[in-house]
N, C-alpha and C. Protein backbone atom coordinates (compact mmCIF):
# COMPACT_ATOMS: atom_id res chain seq x y z
N UNK A 1 -71.25 48.96 70.60
CA UNK A 1 -72.55 48.87 70.97
C UNK A 1 -72.65 49.60 72.16
N UNK A 2 -71.89 49.95 73.14
CA UNK A 2 -71.97 50.55 74.66
C UNK A 2 -70.60 51.59 74.61
N UNK A 3 -69.88 51.90 73.67
CA UNK A 3 -69.18 52.85 73.86
C UNK A 3 -67.91 52.11 74.57
N UNK A 4 -67.06 52.99 74.81
CA UNK A 4 -65.62 52.67 75.22
C UNK A 4 -64.57 51.98 75.09
N UNK A 5 -62.90 52.02 74.67
CA UNK A 5 -62.33 51.11 74.55
C UNK A 5 -62.04 49.72 75.34
N UNK A 6 -62.38 49.93 76.95
CA UNK A 6 -62.38 48.52 77.72
C UNK A 6 -64.04 48.27 78.05
N UNK A 7 -64.07 46.86 77.68
CA UNK A 7 -65.46 46.14 77.10
C UNK A 7 -65.21 45.67 78.56
N UNK A 8 -64.07 45.53 79.33
CA UNK A 8 -64.51 44.56 80.89
C UNK A 8 -65.13 45.95 82.15
N UNK A 9 -65.16 47.14 81.50
CA UNK A 9 -66.52 48.08 82.35
C UNK A 9 -67.20 48.70 81.33
N UNK A 10 -67.07 49.19 80.16
CA UNK A 10 -68.30 49.41 79.16
C UNK A 10 -69.41 48.27 79.27
N UNK A 11 -69.13 47.30 79.55
CA UNK A 11 -70.23 46.30 79.51
C UNK A 11 -70.75 45.74 80.61
N UNK A 12 -70.36 46.15 82.19
CA UNK A 12 -70.34 45.73 83.21
C UNK A 12 -71.98 46.10 83.24
N UNK A 13 -73.13 45.31 83.70
CA UNK A 13 -74.34 45.81 84.12
C UNK A 13 -75.18 45.91 82.92
N UNK A 14 -74.45 46.32 81.63
CA UNK A 14 -75.46 45.90 81.11
C UNK A 14 -76.49 44.72 80.37
N UNK A 15 -78.07 45.01 79.92
CA UNK A 15 -78.60 44.21 79.63
C UNK A 15 -78.99 43.54 78.02
N UNK A 16 -78.45 43.10 77.88
CA UNK A 16 -78.05 41.89 76.19
C UNK A 16 -79.42 40.83 75.89
N UNK A 17 -79.49 40.23 74.88
CA UNK A 17 -79.91 39.39 74.60
C UNK A 17 -78.57 38.84 73.65
N UNK A 18 -78.85 37.28 74.04
CA UNK A 18 -77.72 36.46 72.88
C UNK A 18 -78.42 35.27 72.23
N UNK A 19 -78.64 35.31 71.05
CA UNK A 19 -79.33 34.27 70.31
C UNK A 19 -78.50 33.73 68.90
N UNK A 20 -78.84 32.62 68.68
CA UNK A 20 -78.37 31.94 67.55
C UNK A 20 -79.00 32.36 66.24
N UNK A 21 -77.67 32.79 65.44
CA UNK A 21 -78.29 33.09 64.03
C UNK A 21 -77.48 31.74 62.83
N UNK A 22 -78.00 31.13 62.26
CA UNK A 22 -77.69 30.18 61.24
C UNK A 22 -77.35 30.43 60.25
N UNK A 23 -77.43 31.57 59.94
CA UNK A 23 -77.08 31.98 58.43
C UNK A 23 -75.62 33.15 58.93
N UNK A 24 -74.62 32.69 59.35
CA UNK A 24 -73.38 33.71 59.74
C UNK A 24 -72.26 33.43 58.79
N UNK A 25 -72.08 34.12 57.81
CA UNK A 25 -71.05 34.05 56.48
C UNK A 25 -69.78 33.58 57.70
N UNK A 26 -69.01 32.61 57.45
CA UNK A 26 -67.71 32.81 57.97
C UNK A 26 -66.62 32.38 56.85
N UNK A 27 -66.04 32.98 56.09
CA UNK A 27 -65.05 33.18 55.35
C UNK A 27 -66.05 32.46 53.80
N UNK A 28 -66.39 31.42 53.40
CA UNK A 28 -66.62 31.49 52.38
C UNK A 28 -68.13 30.55 52.58
N UNK A 29 -68.30 30.03 54.00
CA UNK A 29 -69.44 29.20 54.71
C UNK A 29 -70.36 29.69 54.70
N UNK A 30 -71.49 29.34 55.02
CA UNK A 30 -72.59 29.50 56.29
C UNK A 30 -72.81 28.80 57.17
N UNK A 31 -72.95 29.13 58.36
CA UNK A 31 -72.69 28.46 59.77
C UNK A 31 -73.24 29.00 60.65
N UNK A 32 -73.43 28.46 61.83
CA UNK A 32 -74.35 29.04 62.88
C UNK A 32 -73.43 29.63 63.75
N UNK A 33 -73.84 31.01 64.42
CA UNK A 33 -72.63 31.54 65.23
C UNK A 33 -73.76 32.50 66.23
N UNK A 34 -72.84 32.49 67.35
CA UNK A 34 -74.09 33.78 68.34
C UNK A 34 -73.62 35.33 67.94
N UNK A 35 -74.98 35.37 68.19
CA UNK A 35 -75.49 37.17 67.88
C UNK A 35 -75.63 37.86 69.57
N UNK A 36 -74.91 39.22 69.39
CA UNK A 36 -75.77 40.17 70.67
C UNK A 36 -76.46 41.21 69.86
N UNK A 37 -77.45 41.09 70.97
CA UNK A 37 -78.57 42.54 70.47
C UNK A 37 -78.91 43.29 71.49
N UNK A 38 -79.02 44.38 71.27
CA UNK A 38 -79.16 44.99 72.62
C UNK A 38 -80.77 44.75 72.72
N UNK A 39 -81.25 44.92 73.99
CA UNK A 39 -82.60 44.88 74.48
C UNK A 39 -82.96 46.62 74.73
N UNK A 40 -84.05 46.56 73.67
CA UNK A 40 -84.73 47.89 73.70
C UNK A 40 -86.08 48.02 74.12
N UNK A 41 -86.10 48.50 75.29
CA UNK A 41 -87.43 48.45 75.73
C UNK A 41 -88.69 48.94 74.88
N UNK A 42 -88.23 50.03 74.28
CA UNK A 42 -89.86 50.37 73.22
C UNK A 42 -89.76 49.33 72.07
N UNK A 43 -88.69 48.71 72.08
CA UNK A 43 -89.28 47.78 70.47
C UNK A 43 -89.53 46.93 71.27
N UNK A 44 -89.80 45.89 72.44
CA UNK A 44 -90.13 45.16 73.61
C UNK A 44 -91.64 45.47 73.01
N UNK A 45 -91.95 46.43 73.49
CA UNK A 45 -93.31 47.31 74.04
C UNK A 45 -94.15 46.63 72.19
N UNK A 46 -93.45 47.10 71.25
CA UNK A 46 -94.05 47.46 70.24
C UNK A 46 -94.14 45.97 69.80
N UNK A 47 -93.18 45.10 69.95
CA UNK A 47 -93.74 43.87 69.44
C UNK A 47 -94.22 42.96 70.75
N UNK A 48 -94.82 43.19 71.85
CA UNK A 48 -95.75 42.63 72.41
C UNK A 48 -97.06 43.13 72.20
N UNK A 49 -97.02 44.34 72.03
CA UNK A 49 -98.31 44.87 71.10
C UNK A 49 -98.98 44.60 70.02
N UNK A 50 -98.19 44.14 69.51
CA UNK A 50 -98.65 43.60 67.68
C UNK A 50 -98.88 42.49 68.30
N UNK A 51 -97.95 41.23 69.00
CA UNK A 51 -98.46 40.20 69.50
C UNK A 51 -99.61 39.55 69.33
N UNK A 52 -100.12 40.85 70.35
CA UNK A 52 -101.84 40.48 71.22
C UNK A 52 -102.86 40.90 70.48
N UNK A 53 -102.03 41.99 69.77
CA UNK A 53 -103.14 42.29 68.45
C UNK A 53 -103.51 41.39 67.72
N UNK A 54 -102.51 40.71 67.03
CA UNK A 54 -102.71 39.26 66.42
C UNK A 54 -103.52 38.39 66.54
N UNK A 55 -102.94 38.09 68.24
CA UNK A 55 -104.28 37.09 68.60
C UNK A 55 -105.35 37.70 69.17
N UNK A 56 -105.59 38.73 69.02
CA UNK A 56 -107.08 39.11 69.08
C UNK A 56 -107.34 39.35 67.87
N UNK A 57 -106.88 38.52 66.55
CA UNK A 57 -107.57 38.71 65.12
C UNK A 57 -107.86 40.61 64.85
N UNK A 58 -107.26 41.65 65.61
CA UNK A 58 -107.02 42.69 64.90
C UNK A 58 -106.47 43.02 63.53
N UNK A 59 -106.70 44.03 62.81
CA UNK A 59 -105.84 43.67 61.75
C UNK A 59 -105.43 45.39 62.20
N UNK A 60 -104.34 44.89 60.91
CA UNK A 60 -103.06 46.11 61.39
C UNK A 60 -103.74 47.59 61.66
N UNK A 61 -105.15 48.23 60.66
CA UNK A 61 -105.73 49.55 60.82
C UNK A 61 -106.18 49.48 62.10
N UNK A 62 -106.61 48.73 62.70
CA UNK A 62 -107.31 48.25 63.93
C UNK A 62 -106.07 48.95 65.02
N UNK A 63 -105.15 47.89 64.76
CA UNK A 63 -103.84 47.82 65.56
C UNK A 63 -103.84 49.49 65.94
N UNK A 64 -103.29 50.27 64.29
CA UNK A 64 -102.97 51.45 64.81
C UNK A 64 -103.55 52.33 64.83
N UNK A 65 -104.79 52.17 64.88
CA UNK A 65 -106.61 53.22 65.37
C UNK A 65 -105.91 53.07 66.91
N UNK A 66 -105.83 51.94 67.59
CA UNK A 66 -106.21 51.87 68.99
C UNK A 66 -104.57 52.18 69.31
N UNK A 67 -103.45 52.69 68.81
CA UNK A 67 -102.20 52.86 69.28
C UNK A 67 -102.63 54.25 69.08
N UNK A 68 -103.18 54.80 68.26
CA UNK A 68 -103.14 56.57 68.41
C UNK A 68 -104.29 56.64 69.05
N UNK A 69 -105.00 56.22 69.75
CA UNK A 69 -106.22 56.49 70.88
C UNK A 69 -105.61 56.97 72.02
N UNK A 70 -104.54 56.03 72.18
CA UNK A 70 -103.29 55.87 73.04
C UNK A 70 -102.22 56.87 73.05
N UNK A 71 -101.94 57.74 72.24
CA UNK A 71 -101.39 58.60 72.04
C UNK A 71 -100.18 58.30 71.75
N UNK A 72 -99.86 56.92 71.08
CA UNK A 72 -98.84 56.59 70.15
C UNK A 72 -97.94 55.71 71.26
N UNK A 73 -98.27 55.61 72.46
CA UNK A 73 -97.34 54.76 73.20
C UNK A 73 -98.23 53.51 73.69
N UNK A 74 -97.22 52.72 72.97
CA UNK A 74 -97.29 51.16 72.72
C UNK A 74 -97.69 50.32 73.94
N UNK A 75 -96.68 51.00 75.18
CA UNK A 75 -97.03 50.00 76.30
C UNK A 75 -98.29 50.38 77.21
N UNK A 76 -99.31 52.02 76.84
CA UNK A 76 -100.26 52.42 77.23
C UNK A 76 -101.18 51.34 76.21
N UNK A 77 -101.00 51.20 75.18
CA UNK A 77 -102.18 50.92 74.21
C UNK A 77 -101.93 49.15 74.50
N UNK A 78 -101.10 48.56 74.93
CA UNK A 78 -100.54 46.99 75.20
C UNK A 78 -101.67 46.78 76.53
N UNK A 79 -101.69 47.57 77.77
CA UNK A 79 -102.32 47.39 78.50
C UNK A 79 -103.68 47.44 78.17
N UNK A 80 -104.28 48.78 77.81
CA UNK A 80 -105.55 48.96 77.03
C UNK A 80 -106.00 47.80 76.24
N UNK A 81 -105.57 46.67 75.22
CA UNK A 81 -105.52 45.61 74.52
C UNK A 81 -105.85 44.58 75.90
N UNK A 82 -105.48 44.84 76.65
CA UNK A 82 -105.37 43.39 77.94
C UNK A 82 -106.92 43.86 78.93
N UNK A 83 -106.57 45.00 78.91
CA UNK A 83 -107.73 45.42 79.83
C UNK A 83 -109.33 44.72 79.42
N UNK A 84 -109.97 44.16 80.73
CA UNK A 84 -111.81 44.15 80.34
C UNK A 84 -112.62 45.09 79.78
N UNK A 85 -111.58 46.53 80.48
CA UNK A 85 -112.94 47.48 80.30
C UNK A 85 -112.41 48.55 78.83
């Protein structure tokens, strides 16, 4: 994920998300396992925007139109969505 042969140095200071995946194949069995996901601020902004848009009752097209009005910037669109003005 972060490159380098030495994970003791390559991973220092990096931010990740740990989560449980209940559908890991281990041999012929399906078991629970620990997964690691890279935190992607851009994806977090997209997810936060669509979560807020759904709570407000926006359709997908209305959400897309709003993002387009904000120049395609989901962070800016989320701030505008939550703004009282």
